[in-house]
Every structure is written in structure tokens, then in C-alpha cells.
Amino acid sequence: MIALLSQPLVKSEIDSYVSHPGNIPDFHNFSTPQLEPGENADFSLDVLNRYSETLENVIIEAEIYHRADIDESETLGNIPSNERPYISNTKWTSNLDETEATQETSDTKKATYVVGELESNETITLEFRINTKEDTKEGTYFVKFSMNFVHNDTERQMQSRGHWSMELWENATTNVPEESPGNINLNVLGVDGIIPDSSFGVKKPIPKWPLYLLITLTIIFAGLSVVFYLEEEGNYPELNKWLQKQRGKLNKLRLRFKYRKSS
């Protein structure tokens, strides 16, 4: 008996209850910032334990892993360190006792949360600061998540889409045995469930002066169209006199400019 109890926990086969999409921990209520280069903001989300049992040895990781824009797509490792966003101020809070735990991390692209126990129906809020510099590359940055825990003395692991290549993901979603949780072959991926990816943006604001210029020109041409329409009607003699006077001034200005140009 002592020998059995001293054995380390092992990861078992896929369990339909643990891996059911309606039961896996719910990653939700994402707050994803849109930053200008040089700005800092908080990224946060909630995680709810939807199992009927308490989870033990809970460790959650969030990692920035990819960047994309209209022109290119690249892994974070291909971006020079001084042009990447980085993570700091990692903390989490429980909705049960409202205690706050701050954890330091030496990996500027990853936030690690050592939660410990997560009771049934307990929600924790995860938060970290995203820091950028003036030289930070613009684009959409993708964040992948992983969650390891012990459920009923069995080690389990959940991961998000960013952990697998396109080929492996296509294999897991096309070669699917019957009654596979979420219609995904979790055995191919080597996990007990799928949790969501997320993202945040870094982009300089679009200049507003072209919009203001367009609005101004629209108003001017709309007013001119009304004026010329009324002139064609011929029911406003004062308007006709004013338009003829303005045309005369315009012709004088045009002739003066033409004379200066020829001289």
C-alpha cells in the first residue's frame, strides 16, 4: 500500500467527462488591449472551474507566440528582442476570498500562474501587463494558453490552438474517431481538452485629417449642387445676380493670373 501511494501521478487516457467541451475550465471574459507603440496596458481573463470536483496543482501559462499583419506573419522568436512587446506584473485573484497573488516571471514573453487548488465553480481572474516601446513592431500578437492540473488523482493538460502546427491540427480535426469530445482527436494532440487562444494589437492610429477634409469637401459640393439647382429653376433672381457677380470676379481673377503668367 505504501509503495502504491508513493507512486507519482500519471496521465491517463481521454476521459469523456473531463474532456467534454461543456465541462472543461471556461476561459472567458477576455480584456485584450489595443496599443500604440510605446504604450502599456493590462491583459486579463477569467477562468471558471466547471467540474464538480476541486482541481489541484493548477498551473496556467499565457505566452505571446506569434505576430501577423497584412504583409507578413512570423513567430515571436524571429522578432528582435527590442522590437517585441513584453510581459510584466503577473497576478491573479479569486472570486471566493478576493485575495490577490502577484508572481514574478523572468520570461518576458510568458506569464505563469501557480494557482494550487481551484474549487468547483470558483473563478479566478488572471492579469498581466503588456509593455511596448516606440520601436515595437505593429501588428496583431497572438497569445496561447496551457493549463495543467490534477483531477481525481490524475494529471490533466489543456492547451490552446497555438501549441500545434497547421498539419497536426488538420490531422486532429479530420481523422476523428466517433464520440470524440468536441469532434477533435485529442489523442493526436496529446491533451485532455482545447482552451481558446487570444490576441492583442499594436498599431499607430490612422491620421484623422483626411477624414475631416473629406467631410468638408462633401459639405461644400453638396451646398454648391443646391445653389446651381436653384439657379436653373430661375425662381430666385437675387441668387442669379449674386452668382453672376461671383462669376465675374472669378473671370477677372483668371484673366489677371493669365496676364501675369504671359508677362
C-alpha atoms as a PDB file:
ATOM      1  CA  MET A   1       0.000   0.000   0.000  1.00  0.00           C
ATOM      2  CA  ILE A   2       2.805   2.426   0.917  1.00  0.00           C
ATOM      3  CA  ALA A   3       4.520   1.666  -2.374  1.00  0.00           C
ATOM      4  CA  LEU A   4       1.356   2.360  -4.341  1.00  0.00           C
ATOM      5  CA  LEU A   5       0.699   5.661  -2.591  1.00  0.00           C
ATOM      6  CA  SER A   6       4.249   6.797  -3.192  1.00  0.00           C
ATOM      7  CA  GLN A   7       3.978   6.362  -6.963  1.00  0.00           C
ATOM      8  CA  PRO A   8       3.810   9.654  -8.946  1.00  0.00           C
ATOM      9  CA  LEU A   9       0.582  10.654 -10.588  1.00  0.00           C
ATOM     10  CA  VAL A  10       0.307   9.605 -14.218  1.00  0.00           C
ATOM     11  CA  LYS A  11      -1.665  10.963 -17.121  1.00  0.00           C
ATOM     12  CA  SER A  12      -4.498   8.609 -18.100  1.00  0.00           C
ATOM     13  CA  GLU A  13      -6.456   8.140 -21.292  1.00  0.00           C
ATOM     14  CA  ILE A  14      -9.034  10.644 -22.518  1.00  0.00           C
ATOM     15  CA  ASP A  15     -11.986  10.850 -20.130  1.00  0.00           C
ATOM     16  CA  SER A  16     -15.337  11.842 -21.644  1.00  0.00           C
ATOM     17  CA  TYR A  17     -16.337  13.815 -18.545  1.00  0.00           C
ATOM     18  CA  VAL A  18     -13.053  15.685 -18.149  1.00  0.00           C
ATOM     19  CA  SER A  19     -12.702  16.414 -21.876  1.00  0.00           C
ATOM     20  CA  HIS A  20     -16.296  17.371 -22.629  1.00  0.00           C
ATOM     21  CA  PRO A  21     -16.360  20.951 -24.039  1.00  0.00           C
ATOM     22  CA  GLY A  22     -19.139  21.857 -21.604  1.00  0.00           C
ATOM     23  CA  ASN A  23     -17.066  20.763 -18.601  1.00  0.00           C
ATOM     24  CA  ILE A  24     -13.502  21.879 -19.298  1.00  0.00           C
ATOM     25  CA  PRO A  25     -12.366  25.039 -17.465  1.00  0.00           C
ATOM     26  CA  ASP A  26     -14.030  28.051 -19.031  1.00  0.00           C
ATOM     27  CA  PHE A  27     -11.585  30.694 -20.281  1.00  0.00           C
ATOM     28  CA  HIS A  28     -13.774  33.760 -20.848  1.00  0.00           C
ATOM     29  CA  ASN A  29     -14.302  37.491 -20.283  1.00  0.00           C
ATOM     30  CA  PHE A  30     -11.108  38.438 -22.123  1.00  0.00           C
ATOM     31  CA  SER A  31      -9.961  42.045 -21.910  1.00  0.00           C
ATOM     32  CA  THR A  32      -7.489  42.491 -24.784  1.00  0.00           C
ATOM     33  CA  PRO A  33      -5.834  45.907 -25.257  1.00  0.00           C
ATOM     34  CA  GLN A  34      -5.167  47.772 -28.489  1.00  0.00           C
ATOM     35  CA  LEU A  35      -1.925  49.658 -28.014  1.00  0.00           C
ATOM     36  CA  GLU A  36       0.059  52.327 -29.772  1.00  0.00           C
ATOM     37  CA  PRO A  37       3.831  51.678 -29.845  1.00  0.00           C
ATOM     38  CA  GLY A  38       5.227  52.971 -26.545  1.00  0.00           C
ATOM     39  CA  GLU A  39       2.029  52.364 -24.559  1.00  0.00           C
ATOM     40  CA  ASN A  40       1.410  49.836 -21.751  1.00  0.00           C
ATOM     41  CA  ALA A  41      -1.894  48.178 -20.802  1.00  0.00           C
ATOM     42  CA  ASP A  42      -3.336  45.211 -18.904  1.00  0.00           C
ATOM     43  CA  PHE A  43      -4.466  41.940 -20.479  1.00  0.00           C
ATOM     44  CA  SER A  44      -6.943  39.946 -18.358  1.00  0.00           C
ATOM     45  CA  LEU A  45      -9.328  36.997 -18.463  1.00  0.00           C
ATOM     46  CA  ASP A  46     -11.413  34.807 -16.144  1.00  0.00           C
ATOM     47  CA  VAL A  47     -11.080  31.043 -15.646  1.00  0.00           C
ATOM     48  CA  LEU A  48     -14.002  29.087 -14.165  1.00  0.00           C
ATOM     49  CA  ASN A  49     -13.735  25.535 -12.804  1.00  0.00           C
ATOM     50  CA  ARG A  50     -16.878  23.844 -14.173  1.00  0.00           C
ATOM     51  CA  TYR A  51     -16.116  20.399 -12.744  1.00  0.00           C
ATOM     52  CA  SER A  52     -17.926  19.122  -9.684  1.00  0.00           C
ATOM     53  CA  GLU A  53     -14.581  18.439  -8.035  1.00  0.00           C
ATOM     54  CA  THR A  54     -11.725  20.607  -6.797  1.00  0.00           C
ATOM     55  CA  LEU A  55      -8.693  20.817  -9.086  1.00  0.00           C
ATOM     56  CA  GLU A  56      -5.258  20.500  -7.529  1.00  0.00           C
ATOM     57  CA  ASN A  57      -1.766  21.590  -8.548  1.00  0.00           C
ATOM     58  CA  VAL A  58      -3.233  24.074 -11.022  1.00  0.00           C
ATOM     59  CA  ILE A  59      -0.663  25.866 -13.189  1.00  0.00           C
ATOM     60  CA  ILE A  60      -1.753  28.164 -16.030  1.00  0.00           C
ATOM     61  CA  GLU A  61       0.548  29.758 -18.597  1.00  0.00           C
ATOM     62  CA  ALA A  62      -0.106  32.535 -21.116  1.00  0.00           C
ATOM     63  CA  GLU A  63       2.521  33.099 -23.795  1.00  0.00           C
ATOM     64  CA  ILE A  64       2.902  35.568 -26.675  1.00  0.00           C
ATOM     65  CA  TYR A  65       3.969  33.414 -29.604  1.00  0.00           C
ATOM     66  CA  HIS A  66       3.143  34.968 -32.981  1.00  0.00           C
ATOM     67  CA  ARG A  67       2.677  38.262 -34.832  1.00  0.00           C
ATOM     68  CA  ALA A  68       0.819  38.961 -38.062  1.00  0.00           C
ATOM     69  CA  ASP A  69      -0.218  41.896 -40.223  1.00  0.00           C
ATOM     70  CA  ILE A  70      -1.445  42.348 -43.798  1.00  0.00           C
ATOM     71  CA  ASP A  71       2.021  41.800 -45.279  1.00  0.00           C
ATOM     72  CA  GLU A  72       3.649  39.095 -43.171  1.00  0.00           C
ATOM     73  CA  SER A  73       3.327  36.524 -40.407  1.00  0.00           C
ATOM     74  CA  GLU A  74       6.141  35.486 -38.079  1.00  0.00           C
ATOM     75  CA  THR A  75       6.872  33.737 -34.798  1.00  0.00           C
ATOM     76  CA  LEU A  76       7.879  35.878 -31.860  1.00  0.00           C
ATOM     77  CA  GLY A  77      11.343  34.296 -31.896  1.00  0.00           C
ATOM     78  CA  ASN A  78      12.023  35.850 -35.304  1.00  0.00           C
ATOM     79  CA  ILE A  79      11.437  39.367 -33.993  1.00  0.00           C
ATOM     80  CA  PRO A  80      14.432  41.207 -32.448  1.00  0.00           C
ATOM     81  CA  SER A  81      14.056  41.461 -28.672  1.00  0.00           C
ATOM     82  CA  ASN A  82      13.950  45.272 -28.747  1.00  0.00           C
ATOM     83  CA  GLU A  83      11.013  45.191 -31.190  1.00  0.00           C
ATOM     84  CA  ARG A  84       8.772  42.788 -29.235  1.00  0.00           C
ATOM     85  CA  PRO A  85       6.105  43.523 -26.642  1.00  0.00           C
ATOM     86  CA  TYR A  86       6.908  42.003 -23.268  1.00  0.00           C
ATOM     87  CA  ILE A  87       5.011  40.820 -20.191  1.00  0.00           C
ATOM     88  CA  SER A  88       5.293  42.055 -16.590  1.00  0.00           C
ATOM     89  CA  ASN A  89       3.178  42.478 -13.421  1.00  0.00           C
ATOM     90  CA  THR A  90       1.675  38.982 -13.394  1.00  0.00           C
ATOM     91  CA  LYS A  91      -1.120  38.482 -10.834  1.00  0.00           C
ATOM     92  CA  TRP A  92      -4.319  36.536 -10.229  1.00  0.00           C
ATOM     93  CA  THR A  93      -7.364  36.986  -7.981  1.00  0.00           C
ATOM     94  CA  SER A  94     -10.008  34.513  -6.729  1.00  0.00           C
ATOM     95  CA  ASN A  95     -13.693  35.414  -6.593  1.00  0.00           C
ATOM     96  CA  LEU A  96     -14.132  33.391  -3.375  1.00  0.00           C
ATOM     97  CA  ASP A  97     -11.874  35.228  -0.950  1.00  0.00           C
ATOM     98  CA  GLU A  98     -10.789  38.131  -3.206  1.00  0.00           C
ATOM     99  CA  THR A  99      -7.163  37.501  -2.287  1.00  0.00           C
ATOM    100  CA  GLU A 100      -4.605  38.727  -4.796  1.00  0.00           C
ATOM    101  CA  ALA A 101      -1.411  36.850  -5.643  1.00  0.00           C
ATOM    102  CA  THR A 102       1.419  38.579  -7.513  1.00  0.00           C
ATOM    103  CA  GLN A 103       4.055  36.397  -9.124  1.00  0.00           C
ATOM    104  CA  GLU A 104       7.331  37.442 -10.698  1.00  0.00           C
ATOM    105  CA  THR A 105       8.445  35.972 -14.015  1.00  0.00           C
ATOM    106  CA  SER A 106      11.848  36.063 -15.681  1.00  0.00           C
ATOM    107  CA  ASP A 107      10.372  35.172 -19.087  1.00  0.00           C
ATOM    108  CA  THR A 108       9.160  38.397 -20.674  1.00  0.00           C
ATOM    109  CA  LYS A 109       7.021  36.574 -23.254  1.00  0.00           C
ATOM    110  CA  LYS A 110       5.224  34.281 -20.785  1.00  0.00           C
ATOM    111  CA  ALA A 111       3.026  34.707 -17.698  1.00  0.00           C
ATOM    112  CA  THR A 112       2.922  31.737 -15.295  1.00  0.00           C
ATOM    113  CA  TYR A 113       0.258  31.346 -12.593  1.00  0.00           C
ATOM    114  CA  VAL A 114       0.853  28.781  -9.843  1.00  0.00           C
ATOM    115  CA  VAL A 115      -2.708  28.643  -8.506  1.00  0.00           C
ATOM    116  CA  GLY A 116      -2.671  25.459  -6.439  1.00  0.00           C
ATOM    117  CA  GLU A 117      -6.259  24.467  -5.683  1.00  0.00           C
ATOM    118  CA  LEU A 118      -9.242  25.636  -7.710  1.00  0.00           C
ATOM    119  CA  GLU A 119     -12.572  24.735  -6.138  1.00  0.00           C
ATOM    120  CA  SER A 120     -15.689  23.742  -8.053  1.00  0.00           C
ATOM    121  CA  ASN A 121     -17.439  26.834  -9.509  1.00  0.00           C
ATOM    122  CA  GLU A 122     -14.548  29.025  -8.395  1.00  0.00           C
ATOM    123  CA  THR A 123     -13.463  31.740 -10.820  1.00  0.00           C
ATOM    124  CA  ILE A 124     -10.024  33.287 -10.885  1.00  0.00           C
ATOM    125  CA  THR A 125      -9.043  36.431 -12.776  1.00  0.00           C
ATOM    126  CA  LEU A 126      -5.658  36.340 -14.487  1.00  0.00           C
ATOM    127  CA  GLU A 127      -3.934  39.586 -15.358  1.00  0.00           C
ATOM    128  CA  PHE A 128      -0.621  40.713 -16.783  1.00  0.00           C
ATOM    129  CA  ARG A 129       0.797  43.948 -18.143  1.00  0.00           C
ATOM    130  CA  ILE A 130       1.771  44.236 -21.809  1.00  0.00           C
ATOM    131  CA  ASN A 131       4.614  46.703 -22.347  1.00  0.00           C
ATOM    132  CA  THR A 132       5.660  48.183 -25.680  1.00  0.00           C
ATOM    133  CA  LYS A 133       8.302  50.594 -26.914  1.00  0.00           C
ATOM    134  CA  GLU A 134       8.388  53.116 -29.731  1.00  0.00           C
ATOM    135  CA  ASP A 135      10.244  50.506 -31.818  1.00  0.00           C
ATOM    136  CA  THR A 136       7.755  47.687 -31.150  1.00  0.00           C
ATOM    137  CA  LYS A 137       6.579  46.187 -34.445  1.00  0.00           C
ATOM    138  CA  GLU A 138       2.960  46.870 -35.289  1.00  0.00           C
ATOM    139  CA  GLY A 139       0.501  44.059 -35.871  1.00  0.00           C
ATOM    140  CA  THR A 140      -1.707  41.531 -34.131  1.00  0.00           C
ATOM    141  CA  TYR A 141       0.051  39.471 -31.465  1.00  0.00           C
ATOM    142  CA  PHE A 142      -1.365  36.051 -30.597  1.00  0.00           C
ATOM    143  CA  VAL A 143      -1.414  34.576 -27.075  1.00  0.00           C
ATOM    144  CA  LYS A 144      -1.601  30.833 -26.400  1.00  0.00           C
ATOM    145  CA  PHE A 145      -2.637  29.211 -23.123  1.00  0.00           C
ATOM    146  CA  SER A 146      -1.925  25.974 -21.313  1.00  0.00           C
ATOM    147  CA  MET A 147      -3.443  24.602 -18.091  1.00  0.00           C
ATOM    148  CA  ASN A 148      -2.086  21.678 -16.089  1.00  0.00           C
ATOM    149  CA  PHE A 149      -3.929  20.273 -13.071  1.00  0.00           C
ATOM    150  CA  VAL A 150      -4.752  17.133 -11.115  1.00  0.00           C
ATOM    151  CA  HIS A 151      -8.359  15.905 -11.219  1.00  0.00           C
ATOM    152  CA  ASN A 152      -9.306  12.860  -9.125  1.00  0.00           C
ATOM    153  CA  ASP A 153      -5.625  11.934  -8.659  1.00  0.00           C
ATOM    154  CA  THR A 154      -4.974  12.073 -12.409  1.00  0.00           C
ATOM    155  CA  GLU A 155      -2.812  14.645 -14.199  1.00  0.00           C
ATOM    156  CA  ARG A 156      -4.585  16.539 -16.966  1.00  0.00           C
ATOM    157  CA  GLN A 157      -3.463  19.105 -19.517  1.00  0.00           C
ATOM    158  CA  MET A 158      -5.414  21.604 -21.607  1.00  0.00           C
ATOM    159  CA  GLN A 159      -3.862  23.676 -24.395  1.00  0.00           C
ATOM    160  CA  SER A 160      -4.946  26.221 -26.990  1.00  0.00           C
ATOM    161  CA  ARG A 161      -4.595  26.177 -30.779  1.00  0.00           C
ATOM    162  CA  GLY A 162      -1.250  27.968 -30.834  1.00  0.00           C
ATOM    163  CA  HIS A 163       0.599  24.927 -29.486  1.00  0.00           C
ATOM    164  CA  TRP A 164       0.279  22.892 -32.706  1.00  0.00           C
ATOM    165  CA  SER A 165       1.298  23.192 -36.326  1.00  0.00           C
ATOM    166  CA  MET A 166      -1.319  23.506 -39.054  1.00  0.00           C
ATOM    167  CA  GLU A 167      -0.581  19.957 -40.258  1.00  0.00           C
ATOM    168  CA  LEU A 168      -1.088  18.436 -36.805  1.00  0.00           C
ATOM    169  CA  TRP A 169      -4.268  20.443 -36.243  1.00  0.00           C
ATOM    170  CA  GLU A 170      -5.718  19.369 -39.587  1.00  0.00           C
ATOM    171  CA  ASN A 171      -4.896  15.757 -38.767  1.00  0.00           C
ATOM    172  CA  ALA A 172      -6.660  16.041 -35.403  1.00  0.00           C
ATOM    173  CA  THR A 173      -9.767  17.622 -36.941  1.00  0.00           C
ATOM    174  CA  THR A 174     -10.082  15.327 -39.973  1.00  0.00           C
ATOM    175  CA  ASN A 175      -9.161  11.903 -38.566  1.00  0.00           C
ATOM    176  CA  VAL A 176     -11.710  11.956 -35.771  1.00  0.00           C
ATOM    177  CA  PRO A 177     -12.975   8.753 -34.090  1.00  0.00           C
ATOM    178  CA  GLU A 178     -16.635   8.541 -33.160  1.00  0.00           C
ATOM    179  CA  GLU A 179     -17.714  10.178 -29.895  1.00  0.00           C
ATOM    180  CA  SER A 180     -14.539  12.270 -29.713  1.00  0.00           C
ATOM    181  CA  PRO A 181     -15.071  15.241 -27.338  1.00  0.00           C
ATOM    182  CA  GLY A 182     -15.665  18.402 -29.336  1.00  0.00           C
ATOM    183  CA  ASN A 183     -15.247  16.428 -32.576  1.00  0.00           C
ATOM    184  CA  ILE A 184     -11.447  16.689 -32.212  1.00  0.00           C
ATOM    185  CA  ASN A 185      -8.987  13.819 -31.931  1.00  0.00           C
ATOM    186  CA  LEU A 186      -7.378  14.767 -28.620  1.00  0.00           C
ATOM    187  CA  ASN A 187      -5.096  11.721 -28.695  1.00  0.00           C
ATOM    188  CA  VAL A 188      -3.338  13.138 -31.770  1.00  0.00           C
ATOM    189  CA  LEU A 189      -2.772  16.426 -29.957  1.00  0.00           C
ATOM    190  CA  GLY A 190      -1.782  14.747 -26.684  1.00  0.00           C
ATOM    191  CA  VAL A 191      -4.097  16.815 -24.468  1.00  0.00           C
ATOM    192  CA  ASP A 192      -7.295  16.371 -22.482  1.00  0.00           C
ATOM    193  CA  GLY A 193      -9.093  19.423 -23.842  1.00  0.00           C
ATOM    194  CA  ILE A 194      -8.908  22.550 -26.004  1.00  0.00           C
ATOM    195  CA  ILE A 195      -8.942  26.032 -24.490  1.00  0.00           C
ATOM    196  CA  PRO A 196      -9.037  29.276 -26.528  1.00  0.00           C
ATOM    197  CA  ASP A 197      -6.233  31.392 -27.954  1.00  0.00           C
ATOM    198  CA  SER A 198      -6.412  35.168 -27.707  1.00  0.00           C
ATOM    199  CA  SER A 199      -4.661  38.222 -29.132  1.00  0.00           C
ATOM    200  CA  PHE A 200      -3.944  41.926 -28.731  1.00  0.00           C
ATOM    201  CA  GLY A 201      -2.968  44.663 -31.160  1.00  0.00           C
ATOM    202  CA  VAL A 202      -0.142  47.165 -31.534  1.00  0.00           C
ATOM    203  CA  LYS A 203      -0.805  49.851 -34.130  1.00  0.00           C
ATOM    204  CA  LYS A 204      -0.336  53.556 -34.671  1.00  0.00           C
ATOM    205  CA  PRO A 205      -3.629  55.463 -35.039  1.00  0.00           C
ATOM    206  CA  ILE A 206      -4.795  56.389 -38.532  1.00  0.00           C
ATOM    207  CA  PRO A 207      -4.432  60.163 -39.209  1.00  0.00           C
ATOM    208  CA  LYS A 208      -7.810  61.908 -38.921  1.00  0.00           C
ATOM    209  CA  TRP A 209      -7.151  64.895 -41.185  1.00  0.00           C
ATOM    210  CA  PRO A 210      -8.078  63.020 -44.430  1.00  0.00           C
ATOM    211  CA  LEU A 211     -11.454  62.197 -42.907  1.00  0.00           C
ATOM    212  CA  TYR A 212     -12.045  65.815 -41.868  1.00  0.00           C
ATOM    213  CA  LEU A 213     -11.010  67.008 -45.349  1.00  0.00           C
ATOM    214  CA  LEU A 214     -13.407  64.550 -46.993  1.00  0.00           C
ATOM    215  CA  ILE A 215     -16.292  65.685 -44.780  1.00  0.00           C
ATOM    216  CA  THR A 216     -15.548  69.356 -45.539  1.00  0.00           C
ATOM    217  CA  LEU A 217     -15.420  68.782 -49.302  1.00  0.00           C
ATOM    218  CA  THR A 218     -18.651  66.793 -49.176  1.00  0.00           C
ATOM    219  CA  ILE A 219     -20.435  69.668 -47.435  1.00  0.00           C
ATOM    220  CA  ILE A 220     -19.044  72.238 -49.903  1.00  0.00           C
ATOM    221  CA  PHE A 221     -20.051  70.280 -53.022  1.00  0.00           C
ATOM    222  CA  ALA A 222     -23.461  69.473 -51.557  1.00  0.00           C
ATOM    223  CA  GLY A 223     -24.037  73.195 -50.968  1.00  0.00           C
ATOM    224  CA  LEU A 224     -22.896  74.081 -54.480  1.00  0.00           C
ATOM    225  CA  SER A 225     -25.207  71.489 -56.025  1.00  0.00           C
ATOM    226  CA  VAL A 226     -28.175  73.057 -54.202  1.00  0.00           C
ATOM    227  CA  VAL A 227     -27.180  76.548 -55.338  1.00  0.00           C
ATOM    228  CA  PHE A 228     -26.835  75.542 -59.012  1.00  0.00           C
ATOM    229  CA  TYR A 229     -30.112  73.658 -58.883  1.00  0.00           C
ATOM    230  CA  LEU A 230     -31.916  76.761 -57.609  1.00  0.00           C
ATOM    231  CA  GLU A 231     -30.262  78.844 -60.334  1.00  0.00           C
ATOM    232  CA  GLU A 232     -31.566  76.510 -63.026  1.00  0.00           C
ATOM    233  CA  GLU A 233     -35.068  76.851 -61.623  1.00  0.00           C
ATOM    234  CA  GLY A 234     -34.938  80.611 -62.245  1.00  0.00           C
ATOM    235  CA  ASN A 235     -37.245  81.478 -59.349  1.00  0.00           C
ATOM    236  CA  TYR A 236     -34.630  83.327 -57.331  1.00  0.00           C
ATOM    237  CA  PRO A 237     -33.472  86.469 -59.213  1.00  0.00           C
ATOM    238  CA  GLU A 238     -31.347  87.714 -56.319  1.00  0.00           C
ATOM    239  CA  LEU A 239     -29.491  84.400 -56.283  1.00  0.00           C
ATOM    240  CA  ASN A 240     -28.904  84.668 -60.052  1.00  0.00           C
ATOM    241  CA  LYS A 241     -27.464  88.196 -59.661  1.00  0.00           C
ATOM    242  CA  TRP A 242     -25.147  87.014 -56.873  1.00  0.00           C
ATOM    243  CA  LEU A 243     -23.906  84.073 -58.941  1.00  0.00           C
ATOM    244  CA  GLN A 244     -23.257  86.282 -61.975  1.00  0.00           C
ATOM    245  CA  LYS A 245     -21.320  88.681 -59.766  1.00  0.00           C
ATOM    246  CA  GLN A 246     -19.193  85.820 -58.395  1.00  0.00           C
ATOM    247  CA  ARG A 247     -18.556  84.519 -61.911  1.00  0.00           C
ATOM    248  CA  GLY A 248     -17.373  87.978 -62.922  1.00  0.00           C
ATOM    249  CA  LYS A 249     -14.920  88.102 -60.022  1.00  0.00           C
ATOM    250  CA  LEU A 250     -13.691  84.644 -60.915  1.00  0.00           C
ATOM    251  CA  ASN A 251     -13.152  85.644 -64.583  1.00  0.00           C
ATOM    252  CA  LYS A 252     -11.203  88.749 -63.534  1.00  0.00           C
ATOM    253  CA  LEU A 253      -9.013  86.648 -61.260  1.00  0.00           C
ATOM    254  CA  ARG A 254      -8.432  84.117 -64.056  1.00  0.00           C
ATOM    255  CA  LEU A 255      -7.505  86.843 -66.590  1.00  0.00           C
ATOM    256  CA  ARG A 256      -5.175  88.520 -64.103  1.00  0.00           C
ATOM    257  CA  PHE A 257      -3.415  85.264 -63.444  1.00  0.00           C
ATOM    258  CA  LYS A 258      -3.172  84.562 -67.184  1.00  0.00           C
ATOM    259  CA  TYR A 259      -1.732  88.034 -67.831  1.00  0.00           C
ATOM    260  CA  ARG A 260       0.948  87.633 -65.119  1.00  0.00           C
ATOM    261  CA  LYS A 261       1.874  84.228 -66.448  1.00  0.00           C
ATOM    262  CA  SER A 262       2.289  85.529 -70.051  1.00  0.00           C
ATOM    263  CA  SER A 263       4.351  88.543 -68.952  1.00  0.00           C
END
